[in-house]
Every structure is written in structure tokens, then in C-alpha cells.
Amino acid sequence: MTGRRRSGPGVEDAARWIHIKLGTQRLHLYQASRLLSSYLVSSGRNGMGEQMGSGCTPRGWHVIRARIGANQPLGAVFVGRRPTGEIYSQALANRYPGRDWILSRILWLSGLERGFNRLGAVDTMRRFIYIHGAPAYVPLGLPASKGCIRMRNADVVELFEVIPAQTRVLIEH
């Protein structure tokens, strides 16, 4: 992202923060400047962008507004941010072939940059942009989602367990 600052909220202090690099399709977890872990992800198939309805992954500084799914089993299915009581399986996928599967955990993002990814037609939270688990067949390492950041189920559970709400997230190319 040309012209965007990497030294935004959460970087100056020793707090944990997340850096999502869309160009490499990687999510990096940091403690201040020390890399703690790195995960392969899949971002929006329509590229980068903030507009409502675009199917793009929003850039800039965000915060994890809500952590959803604590204590749910691996592969738990969510619809409207609520667990359905189902566990993802091929039989379930066959029954609902068009569903955008949101599994295991949800980290709901909210933009921090007014007019860029917060409020109005660019509001990340109102766009329902999450970091969430996905079925094993979903390709990672390339843009293929509807705008969210998809991860392997075990990876999103691992991440979920070590970050609190209000964790800062920087998404950039």
C-alpha cells in the first residue's frame, strides 16, 4: 500500500498485533516487532478495496471488534455469526453447495481509519469482514474469498487462543 504507515496503532507498544500481507497471502502475528507465527491465508478474489458490496478485502488499520466461537469444536459451522450446531462435513457441503463456509472461529474486524475503512460505504465491520476458518478444500495462498481472510481451521483456532479483542490488524499489499 503506497503511502500507508506501518507504524500505526499497536506497533509502538509491546502489544500483540497482526499483519496481513495480501501480496503473499500471509498472516503474521507479532509481539511488538518480534514475529511469533505466520499462516497461509486466502483473501478476497476481487482484490483489495474498501467499498461495500465489492467482494474485496479492505486495507489499512483494523481492530478485532469481536471474538466469536470460543469453545466450539473444530469445524463448527457459523451462519450469521452464530454456531448452527453442525460440524462441517462433505455431506453437509453437498446439502448446501452454494454456502460460503465460515468455520471454527470468527475474528470480526472493524476499521480504524475514518473515511477509508470506517463508517459510510467503506465500513469494514458493516461489511462483515472476518478472519475465519474454512474447509480443507478451500485453496489458501491465493485470493479466493468474498472479502474475508480465510484460514485453516486449526490455524484460526490457534490464533484465536492467543489474541484478545481489540488486537490491532494491519492489512496491506
N, C-alpha and C. Protein backbone atom coordinates (compact mmCIF):
# COMPACT_ATOMS: atom_id res chain seq x y z
N MET A 1 0.83 -1.18 0.00
CA MET A 1 0.00 0.00 0.00
C MET A 1 0.87 1.23 0.00
N THR A 2 0.97 1.86 -1.07
CA THR A 2 1.79 3.05 -1.18
C THR A 2 1.25 4.15 -0.30
N GLY A 3 2.14 4.77 0.46
CA GLY A 3 1.76 5.91 1.28
C GLY A 3 1.12 5.57 2.62
N ARG A 4 0.89 4.33 2.93
CA ARG A 4 0.26 3.95 4.20
C ARG A 4 1.35 3.70 5.23
N ARG A 5 1.11 4.10 6.45
CA ARG A 5 2.10 3.95 7.51
C ARG A 5 2.03 2.57 8.14
N ARG A 6 3.19 1.93 8.34
CA ARG A 6 3.24 0.68 9.07
C ARG A 6 3.34 0.93 10.56
N SER A 7 3.64 2.14 10.96
CA SER A 7 3.85 2.43 12.37
C SER A 7 2.60 2.98 13.02
N GLY A 8 1.46 2.42 12.67
CA GLY A 8 0.19 2.88 13.20
C GLY A 8 -0.11 2.31 14.57
N PRO A 9 -1.37 2.30 14.96
CA PRO A 9 -1.78 1.85 16.28
C PRO A 9 -1.31 0.43 16.56
N GLY A 10 -0.79 0.23 17.75
CA GLY A 10 -0.41 -1.12 18.17
C GLY A 10 1.01 -1.51 17.86
N VAL A 11 1.72 -0.75 17.04
CA VAL A 11 3.08 -1.14 16.66
C VAL A 11 4.11 -0.55 17.62
N GLU A 12 3.84 0.63 18.17
CA GLU A 12 4.81 1.29 19.03
C GLU A 12 4.97 0.58 20.38
N ASP A 13 3.91 -0.04 20.87
CA ASP A 13 3.99 -0.68 22.18
C ASP A 13 4.29 -2.17 22.03
N ALA A 14 4.28 -2.87 23.13
CA ALA A 14 4.65 -4.29 23.14
C ALA A 14 3.45 -5.21 22.92
N ALA A 15 2.31 -4.65 22.55
CA ALA A 15 1.12 -5.46 22.35
C ALA A 15 1.28 -6.39 21.14
N ARG A 16 0.55 -7.47 21.18
CA ARG A 16 0.49 -8.35 20.00
C ARG A 16 -0.33 -7.65 18.94
N TRP A 17 0.05 -7.86 17.69
CA TRP A 17 -0.68 -7.30 16.57
C TRP A 17 -0.53 -8.23 15.37
N ILE A 18 -1.41 -8.07 14.40
CA ILE A 18 -1.46 -8.93 13.23
C ILE A 18 -1.16 -8.10 11.99
N HIS A 19 -0.33 -8.65 11.11
CA HIS A 19 -0.02 -8.01 9.83
C HIS A 19 -0.42 -9.00 8.74
N ILE A 20 -1.39 -8.62 7.92
CA ILE A 20 -1.83 -9.46 6.81
C ILE A 20 -1.29 -8.86 5.54
N LYS A 21 -0.47 -9.64 4.83
CA LYS A 21 0.13 -9.19 3.58
C LYS A 21 -0.61 -9.87 2.43
N LEU A 22 -1.40 -9.08 1.70
CA LEU A 22 -2.20 -9.63 0.62
C LEU A 22 -1.35 -10.11 -0.54
N GLY A 23 -0.22 -9.47 -0.76
CA GLY A 23 0.65 -9.86 -1.87
C GLY A 23 1.23 -11.25 -1.72
N THR A 24 1.45 -11.67 -0.48
CA THR A 24 2.00 -13.01 -0.23
C THR A 24 0.96 -13.95 0.37
N GLN A 25 -0.25 -13.42 0.63
CA GLN A 25 -1.33 -14.21 1.23
C GLN A 25 -0.87 -14.85 2.54
N ARG A 26 -0.26 -14.03 3.40
CA ARG A 26 0.23 -14.49 4.70
C ARG A 26 -0.30 -13.60 5.80
N LEU A 27 -0.59 -14.21 6.94
CA LEU A 27 -0.95 -13.51 8.16
C LEU A 27 0.19 -13.74 9.14
N HIS A 28 0.75 -12.65 9.66
CA HIS A 28 1.86 -12.72 10.60
C HIS A 28 1.40 -12.19 11.95
N LEU A 29 1.68 -12.92 13.01
CA LEU A 29 1.39 -12.48 14.37
C LEU A 29 2.68 -11.99 14.99
N TYR A 30 2.65 -10.76 15.51
CA TYR A 30 3.84 -10.15 16.12
C TYR A 30 3.59 -9.82 17.58
N GLN A 31 4.66 -9.82 18.34
CA GLN A 31 4.72 -9.22 19.68
C GLN A 31 5.68 -8.06 19.50
N ALA A 32 5.16 -6.82 19.46
CA ALA A 32 5.94 -5.64 19.07
C ALA A 32 6.54 -5.92 17.70
N SER A 33 7.88 -5.97 17.57
CA SER A 33 8.49 -6.23 16.26
C SER A 33 8.95 -7.68 16.09
N ARG A 34 8.69 -8.53 17.09
CA ARG A 34 9.13 -9.93 17.04
C ARG A 34 8.04 -10.81 16.43
N LEU A 35 8.38 -11.51 15.35
CA LEU A 35 7.45 -12.42 14.69
C LEU A 35 7.23 -13.65 15.57
N LEU A 36 5.96 -13.93 15.90
CA LEU A 36 5.62 -15.08 16.72
C LEU A 36 5.17 -16.27 15.87
N SER A 37 4.38 -16.00 14.84
CA SER A 37 3.90 -17.07 13.96
C SER A 37 3.43 -16.48 12.64
N SER A 38 3.30 -17.37 11.66
CA SER A 38 2.90 -16.96 10.33
C SER A 38 1.98 -18.03 9.75
N TYR A 39 0.94 -17.61 9.04
CA TYR A 39 -0.05 -18.54 8.50
C TYR A 39 -0.37 -18.19 7.05
N LEU A 40 -0.62 -19.20 6.25
CA LEU A 40 -1.10 -19.02 4.89
C LEU A 40 -2.59 -18.70 4.96
N VAL A 41 -3.05 -17.74 4.15
CA VAL A 41 -4.46 -17.32 4.15
C VAL A 41 -4.96 -17.20 2.71
N SER A 42 -6.24 -16.88 2.61
CA SER A 42 -6.85 -16.53 1.33
C SER A 42 -7.69 -15.28 1.54
N SER A 43 -7.45 -14.26 0.73
CA SER A 43 -8.19 -13.00 0.83
C SER A 43 -9.20 -12.92 -0.32
N GLY A 44 -9.79 -11.74 -0.51
CA GLY A 44 -10.85 -11.54 -1.50
C GLY A 44 -10.42 -11.77 -2.94
N ARG A 45 -11.19 -12.58 -3.63
CA ARG A 45 -10.89 -12.89 -5.04
C ARG A 45 -10.98 -11.66 -5.94
N ASN A 46 -11.71 -10.62 -5.48
CA ASN A 46 -11.83 -9.39 -6.26
C ASN A 46 -10.73 -8.39 -5.95
N GLY A 47 -9.74 -8.81 -5.18
CA GLY A 47 -8.60 -7.95 -4.88
C GLY A 47 -8.78 -7.13 -3.62
N MET A 48 -8.12 -5.97 -3.62
CA MET A 48 -8.12 -5.08 -2.47
C MET A 48 -9.10 -3.95 -2.71
N GLY A 49 -9.84 -3.58 -1.67
CA GLY A 49 -10.76 -2.46 -1.79
C GLY A 49 -11.67 -2.38 -0.59
N GLU A 50 -12.23 -1.23 -0.39
CA GLU A 50 -13.00 -0.96 0.82
C GLU A 50 -14.49 -0.80 0.59
N GLN A 51 -14.94 -0.69 -0.65
CA GLN A 51 -16.34 -0.39 -0.94
C GLN A 51 -17.29 -1.52 -0.53
N MET A 52 -18.39 -1.14 0.05
CA MET A 52 -19.48 -2.06 0.39
C MET A 52 -19.90 -2.81 -0.88
N GLY A 53 -20.06 -4.11 -0.79
CA GLY A 53 -20.52 -4.93 -1.90
C GLY A 53 -19.48 -5.27 -2.94
N SER A 54 -18.23 -4.89 -2.71
CA SER A 54 -17.18 -5.09 -3.72
C SER A 54 -16.62 -6.51 -3.74
N GLY A 55 -16.74 -7.25 -2.64
CA GLY A 55 -16.11 -8.56 -2.56
C GLY A 55 -14.60 -8.47 -2.41
N CYS A 56 -14.11 -7.27 -2.12
CA CYS A 56 -12.67 -7.04 -1.95
C CYS A 56 -12.30 -7.09 -0.47
N THR A 57 -11.02 -7.32 -0.20
CA THR A 57 -10.51 -7.28 1.16
C THR A 57 -10.09 -5.85 1.48
N PRO A 58 -10.61 -5.30 2.59
CA PRO A 58 -10.27 -3.92 2.95
C PRO A 58 -8.86 -3.80 3.50
N ARG A 59 -8.22 -2.69 3.17
CA ARG A 59 -6.85 -2.43 3.62
C ARG A 59 -6.85 -1.50 4.81
N GLY A 60 -5.67 -1.33 5.37
CA GLY A 60 -5.47 -0.36 6.44
C GLY A 60 -5.52 -0.98 7.82
N TRP A 61 -5.56 -0.08 8.81
CA TRP A 61 -5.59 -0.49 10.21
C TRP A 61 -6.99 -0.87 10.65
N HIS A 62 -7.06 -2.00 11.32
CA HIS A 62 -8.31 -2.52 11.87
C HIS A 62 -8.08 -2.94 13.31
N VAL A 63 -9.16 -3.28 13.97
CA VAL A 63 -9.10 -3.86 15.30
C VAL A 63 -10.05 -5.06 15.31
N ILE A 64 -9.71 -6.06 16.11
CA ILE A 64 -10.63 -7.18 16.27
C ILE A 64 -11.72 -6.72 17.22
N ARG A 65 -12.90 -6.50 16.67
CA ARG A 65 -14.03 -5.98 17.43
C ARG A 65 -14.67 -7.07 18.29
N ALA A 66 -14.73 -8.30 17.74
CA ALA A 66 -15.36 -9.40 18.47
C ALA A 66 -14.66 -10.71 18.14
N ARG A 67 -14.58 -11.56 19.16
CA ARG A 67 -14.05 -12.93 19.03
C ARG A 67 -15.24 -13.86 19.23
N ILE A 68 -15.56 -14.64 18.22
CA ILE A 68 -16.77 -15.46 18.25
C ILE A 68 -16.39 -16.93 18.07
N GLY A 69 -16.94 -17.78 18.94
CA GLY A 69 -16.77 -19.22 18.78
C GLY A 69 -15.89 -19.89 19.81
N ALA A 70 -15.53 -19.20 20.88
CA ALA A 70 -14.72 -19.83 21.93
C ALA A 70 -15.38 -21.12 22.37
N ASN A 71 -14.58 -22.16 22.53
CA ASN A 71 -15.03 -23.47 22.98
C ASN A 71 -15.88 -24.25 21.99
N GLN A 72 -16.04 -23.73 20.77
CA GLN A 72 -16.74 -24.50 19.74
C GLN A 72 -15.78 -25.56 19.21
N PRO A 73 -16.29 -26.69 18.73
CA PRO A 73 -15.41 -27.73 18.19
C PRO A 73 -14.80 -27.30 16.85
N LEU A 74 -13.69 -27.91 16.51
CA LEU A 74 -13.05 -27.68 15.22
C LEU A 74 -14.05 -28.03 14.11
N GLY A 75 -14.21 -27.14 13.16
CA GLY A 75 -15.15 -27.38 12.06
C GLY A 75 -16.58 -26.95 12.36
N ALA A 76 -16.82 -26.31 13.53
CA ALA A 76 -18.16 -25.81 13.85
C ALA A 76 -18.60 -24.84 12.76
N VAL A 77 -19.86 -24.95 12.35
CA VAL A 77 -20.41 -24.12 11.28
C VAL A 77 -21.10 -22.90 11.90
N PHE A 78 -20.84 -21.72 11.31
CA PHE A 78 -21.47 -20.47 11.74
C PHE A 78 -22.29 -19.90 10.59
N VAL A 79 -23.48 -19.43 10.93
CA VAL A 79 -24.32 -18.68 9.99
C VAL A 79 -24.79 -17.45 10.75
N GLY A 80 -24.57 -16.28 10.18
CA GLY A 80 -24.92 -15.04 10.87
C GLY A 80 -24.19 -14.90 12.19
N ARG A 81 -22.94 -15.38 12.25
CA ARG A 81 -22.07 -15.31 13.43
C ARG A 81 -22.56 -16.16 14.59
N ARG A 82 -23.48 -17.06 14.33
CA ARG A 82 -23.97 -17.96 15.37
C ARG A 82 -23.68 -19.41 14.99
N PRO A 83 -23.23 -20.20 15.96
CA PRO A 83 -22.99 -21.62 15.64
C PRO A 83 -24.32 -22.32 15.36
N THR A 84 -24.34 -23.14 14.32
CA THR A 84 -25.57 -23.84 13.94
C THR A 84 -25.72 -25.16 14.68
N GLY A 85 -24.65 -25.61 15.35
CA GLY A 85 -24.66 -26.92 15.99
C GLY A 85 -24.14 -28.01 15.06
N GLU A 86 -23.86 -27.63 13.82
CA GLU A 86 -23.33 -28.58 12.84
C GLU A 86 -21.81 -28.55 12.84
N ILE A 87 -21.22 -29.65 12.40
CA ILE A 87 -19.79 -29.74 12.16
C ILE A 87 -19.63 -29.95 10.66
N TYR A 88 -18.75 -29.19 10.05
CA TYR A 88 -18.56 -29.28 8.60
C TYR A 88 -18.20 -30.70 8.18
N SER A 89 -18.85 -31.16 7.11
CA SER A 89 -18.56 -32.46 6.51
C SER A 89 -18.88 -32.38 5.02
N GLN A 90 -18.42 -33.34 4.27
CA GLN A 90 -18.72 -33.36 2.83
C GLN A 90 -20.22 -33.52 2.60
N ALA A 91 -20.87 -34.31 3.44
CA ALA A 91 -22.32 -34.49 3.31
C ALA A 91 -23.05 -33.16 3.50
N LEU A 92 -22.62 -32.39 4.48
CA LEU A 92 -23.21 -31.07 4.72
C LEU A 92 -22.93 -30.15 3.54
N ALA A 93 -21.72 -30.18 3.02
CA ALA A 93 -21.35 -29.36 1.86
C ALA A 93 -22.20 -29.74 0.65
N ASN A 94 -22.48 -31.01 0.48
CA ASN A 94 -23.32 -31.45 -0.64
C ASN A 94 -24.75 -30.94 -0.49
N ARG A 95 -25.24 -30.83 0.75
CA ARG A 95 -26.59 -30.33 1.01
C ARG A 95 -26.72 -28.84 0.75
N TYR A 96 -25.62 -28.09 0.97
CA TYR A 96 -25.62 -26.63 0.81
C TYR A 96 -24.47 -26.21 -0.11
N PRO A 97 -24.58 -26.52 -1.40
CA PRO A 97 -23.43 -26.32 -2.30
C PRO A 97 -23.01 -24.86 -2.50
N GLY A 98 -23.87 -23.90 -2.30
CA GLY A 98 -23.51 -22.51 -2.54
C GLY A 98 -23.07 -21.75 -1.31
N ARG A 99 -23.03 -22.41 -0.17
CA ARG A 99 -22.73 -21.72 1.09
C ARG A 99 -21.26 -21.30 1.16
N ASP A 100 -21.04 -20.09 1.65
CA ASP A 100 -19.70 -19.60 1.94
C ASP A 100 -19.40 -20.04 3.38
N TRP A 101 -18.64 -21.10 3.54
CA TRP A 101 -18.44 -21.74 4.83
C TRP A 101 -17.58 -20.91 5.76
N ILE A 102 -18.15 -20.60 6.92
CA ILE A 102 -17.44 -19.90 7.99
C ILE A 102 -17.38 -20.88 9.15
N LEU A 103 -16.16 -21.32 9.45
CA LEU A 103 -15.97 -22.45 10.36
C LEU A 103 -15.06 -22.12 11.54
N SER A 104 -15.24 -22.85 12.62
CA SER A 104 -14.38 -22.93 13.80
C SER A 104 -14.34 -21.69 14.68
N ARG A 105 -13.90 -20.55 14.16
CA ARG A 105 -13.81 -19.30 14.92
C ARG A 105 -14.01 -18.13 13.97
N ILE A 106 -14.45 -17.01 14.56
CA ILE A 106 -14.61 -15.75 13.81
C ILE A 106 -13.90 -14.65 14.59
N LEU A 107 -13.05 -13.91 13.91
CA LEU A 107 -12.44 -12.69 14.43
C LEU A 107 -12.99 -11.56 13.55
N TRP A 108 -13.95 -10.82 14.10
CA TRP A 108 -14.69 -9.80 13.34
C TRP A 108 -13.90 -8.50 13.37
N LEU A 109 -13.57 -7.99 12.18
CA LEU A 109 -12.75 -6.80 12.05
C LEU A 109 -13.58 -5.52 11.98
N SER A 110 -13.02 -4.45 12.53
CA SER A 110 -13.61 -3.13 12.44
C SER A 110 -12.50 -2.16 12.03
N GLY A 111 -12.77 -1.35 11.03
CA GLY A 111 -11.78 -0.38 10.55
C GLY A 111 -11.50 0.71 11.58
N LEU A 112 -10.29 1.24 11.52
CA LEU A 112 -9.87 2.32 12.41
C LEU A 112 -9.64 3.64 11.68
N GLU A 113 -9.71 3.61 10.35
CA GLU A 113 -9.38 4.80 9.57
C GLU A 113 -10.64 5.41 8.97
N ARG A 114 -11.16 6.42 9.66
CA ARG A 114 -12.40 7.09 9.26
C ARG A 114 -12.32 7.54 7.79
N GLY A 115 -13.34 7.15 7.04
CA GLY A 115 -13.41 7.52 5.63
C GLY A 115 -12.64 6.59 4.70
N PHE A 116 -11.79 5.75 5.25
CA PHE A 116 -11.03 4.80 4.43
C PHE A 116 -11.55 3.37 4.62
N ASN A 117 -11.68 2.93 5.88
CA ASN A 117 -12.22 1.60 6.16
C ASN A 117 -13.21 1.64 7.34
N ARG A 118 -13.63 2.83 7.70
CA ARG A 118 -14.55 3.00 8.82
C ARG A 118 -15.62 4.03 8.45
N LEU A 119 -16.87 3.67 8.73
CA LEU A 119 -18.06 4.49 8.51
C LEU A 119 -18.45 4.54 7.03
N GLY A 120 -19.70 4.89 6.79
CA GLY A 120 -20.22 5.05 5.44
C GLY A 120 -20.13 3.78 4.60
N ALA A 121 -19.88 3.98 3.31
CA ALA A 121 -19.86 2.88 2.34
C ALA A 121 -18.55 2.10 2.34
N VAL A 122 -17.67 2.40 3.30
CA VAL A 122 -16.38 1.69 3.38
C VAL A 122 -16.18 1.03 4.74
N ASP A 123 -17.24 0.87 5.52
CA ASP A 123 -17.13 0.37 6.88
C ASP A 123 -16.89 -1.15 6.91
N THR A 124 -15.69 -1.53 7.34
CA THR A 124 -15.31 -2.95 7.37
C THR A 124 -16.25 -3.77 8.24
N MET A 125 -16.61 -3.26 9.39
CA MET A 125 -17.48 -4.03 10.29
C MET A 125 -18.87 -4.24 9.67
N ARG A 126 -19.43 -3.21 9.07
CA ARG A 126 -20.75 -3.34 8.43
C ARG A 126 -20.68 -4.21 7.18
N ARG A 127 -19.48 -4.41 6.64
CA ARG A 127 -19.30 -5.32 5.51
C ARG A 127 -19.17 -6.77 5.98
N PHE A 128 -19.12 -6.99 7.30
CA PHE A 128 -18.98 -8.33 7.89
C PHE A 128 -17.71 -9.01 7.41
N ILE A 129 -16.60 -8.31 7.56
CA ILE A 129 -15.29 -8.85 7.18
C ILE A 129 -14.68 -9.52 8.41
N TYR A 130 -14.35 -10.81 8.25
CA TYR A 130 -13.81 -11.61 9.34
C TYR A 130 -12.50 -12.26 8.94
N ILE A 131 -11.79 -12.71 9.96
CA ILE A 131 -10.77 -13.75 9.83
C ILE A 131 -11.47 -14.99 10.34
N HIS A 132 -11.55 -16.04 9.53
CA HIS A 132 -12.31 -17.22 9.95
C HIS A 132 -11.75 -18.50 9.35
N GLY A 133 -12.19 -19.62 9.90
CA GLY A 133 -11.80 -20.93 9.39
C GLY A 133 -12.56 -21.28 8.13
N ALA A 134 -11.98 -22.21 7.36
CA ALA A 134 -12.57 -22.62 6.09
C ALA A 134 -12.36 -24.13 5.89
N PRO A 135 -13.15 -24.75 5.01
CA PRO A 135 -12.97 -26.17 4.72
C PRO A 135 -11.58 -26.46 4.15
N ALA A 136 -11.13 -27.68 4.33
CA ALA A 136 -9.79 -28.08 3.87
C ALA A 136 -9.63 -27.95 2.35
N TYR A 137 -10.71 -28.08 1.58
CA TYR A 137 -10.59 -28.00 0.12
C TYR A 137 -10.39 -26.57 -0.38
N VAL A 138 -10.67 -25.57 0.46
CA VAL A 138 -10.55 -24.17 0.06
C VAL A 138 -9.08 -23.85 -0.18
N PRO A 139 -8.74 -23.32 -1.35
CA PRO A 139 -7.34 -23.02 -1.62
C PRO A 139 -6.85 -21.84 -0.78
N LEU A 140 -5.69 -22.01 -0.19
CA LEU A 140 -5.03 -20.92 0.52
C LEU A 140 -3.83 -20.50 -0.31
N GLY A 141 -3.33 -19.30 -0.06
CA GLY A 141 -2.18 -18.81 -0.81
C GLY A 141 -2.56 -18.04 -2.06
N LEU A 142 -3.88 -17.90 -2.31
CA LEU A 142 -4.33 -17.10 -3.44
C LEU A 142 -5.67 -16.47 -3.09
N PRO A 143 -5.96 -15.31 -3.66
CA PRO A 143 -7.22 -14.64 -3.37
C PRO A 143 -8.40 -15.46 -3.90
N ALA A 144 -9.32 -15.87 -3.02
CA ALA A 144 -10.46 -16.69 -3.45
C ALA A 144 -11.71 -16.49 -2.59
N SER A 145 -11.66 -15.60 -1.59
CA SER A 145 -12.81 -15.43 -0.70
C SER A 145 -13.74 -14.33 -1.22
N LYS A 146 -14.78 -14.05 -0.44
CA LYS A 146 -15.71 -12.97 -0.77
C LYS A 146 -15.32 -11.66 -0.08
N GLY A 147 -14.06 -11.60 0.39
CA GLY A 147 -13.55 -10.39 1.04
C GLY A 147 -12.93 -10.67 2.40
N CYS A 148 -13.35 -11.76 3.04
CA CYS A 148 -12.80 -12.13 4.34
C CYS A 148 -11.40 -12.73 4.19
N ILE A 149 -10.77 -12.96 5.33
CA ILE A 149 -9.49 -13.65 5.39
C ILE A 149 -9.77 -15.06 5.87
N ARG A 150 -9.58 -16.03 4.99
CA ARG A 150 -9.81 -17.44 5.33
C ARG A 150 -8.52 -18.08 5.79
N MET A 151 -8.66 -18.99 6.76
CA MET A 151 -7.52 -19.74 7.30
C MET A 151 -7.91 -21.21 7.47
N ARG A 152 -6.93 -22.06 7.63
CA ARG A 152 -7.19 -23.44 8.02
C ARG A 152 -7.82 -23.41 9.41
N ASN A 153 -8.69 -24.35 9.69
CA ASN A 153 -9.40 -24.38 10.97
C ASN A 153 -8.45 -24.43 12.16
N ALA A 154 -7.49 -25.33 12.13
CA ALA A 154 -6.55 -25.45 13.25
C ALA A 154 -5.77 -24.15 13.44
N ASP A 155 -5.43 -23.48 12.34
CA ASP A 155 -4.68 -22.23 12.43
C ASP A 155 -5.50 -21.11 13.06
N VAL A 156 -6.77 -20.97 12.65
CA VAL A 156 -7.59 -19.89 13.20
C VAL A 156 -7.88 -20.14 14.68
N VAL A 157 -8.02 -21.41 15.08
CA VAL A 157 -8.21 -21.72 16.50
C VAL A 157 -6.95 -21.36 17.29
N GLU A 158 -5.78 -21.71 16.75
CA GLU A 158 -4.52 -21.37 17.41
C GLU A 158 -4.37 -19.86 17.58
N LEU A 159 -4.66 -19.12 16.53
CA LEU A 159 -4.59 -17.66 16.59
C LEU A 159 -5.59 -17.10 17.59
N PHE A 160 -6.82 -17.58 17.53
CA PHE A 160 -7.90 -17.14 18.41
C PHE A 160 -7.51 -17.26 19.88
N GLU A 161 -6.80 -18.32 20.21
CA GLU A 161 -6.45 -18.59 21.61
C GLU A 161 -5.40 -17.64 22.17
N VAL A 162 -4.65 -16.95 21.31
CA VAL A 162 -3.55 -16.12 21.81
C VAL A 162 -3.74 -14.62 21.59
N ILE A 163 -4.88 -14.22 21.03
CA ILE A 163 -5.11 -12.79 20.85
C ILE A 163 -6.44 -12.37 21.46
N PRO A 164 -6.46 -11.23 22.13
CA PRO A 164 -7.70 -10.73 22.71
C PRO A 164 -8.45 -9.83 21.73
N ALA A 165 -9.68 -9.51 22.09
CA ALA A 165 -10.41 -8.47 21.37
C ALA A 165 -9.58 -7.19 21.48
N GLN A 166 -9.75 -6.32 20.52
CA GLN A 166 -9.02 -5.04 20.42
C GLN A 166 -7.60 -5.20 19.89
N THR A 167 -7.21 -6.41 19.51
CA THR A 167 -5.91 -6.60 18.86
C THR A 167 -5.91 -5.83 17.55
N ARG A 168 -4.85 -5.10 17.27
CA ARG A 168 -4.72 -4.32 16.04
C ARG A 168 -4.34 -5.25 14.88
N VAL A 169 -4.88 -4.92 13.71
CA VAL A 169 -4.64 -5.69 12.49
C VAL A 169 -4.34 -4.71 11.37
N LEU A 170 -3.20 -4.89 10.70
CA LEU A 170 -2.86 -4.09 9.53
C LEU A 170 -2.97 -4.99 8.30
N ILE A 171 -3.79 -4.55 7.34
CA ILE A 171 -3.95 -5.28 6.08
C ILE A 171 -3.40 -4.39 4.97
N GLU A 172 -2.42 -4.92 4.25
CA GLU A 172 -1.84 -4.15 3.14
C GLU A 172 -1.31 -5.10 2.08
N HIS A 173 -0.96 -4.53 0.93
CA HIS A 173 -0.47 -5.35 -0.17
C HIS A 173 0.84 -5.98 0.25
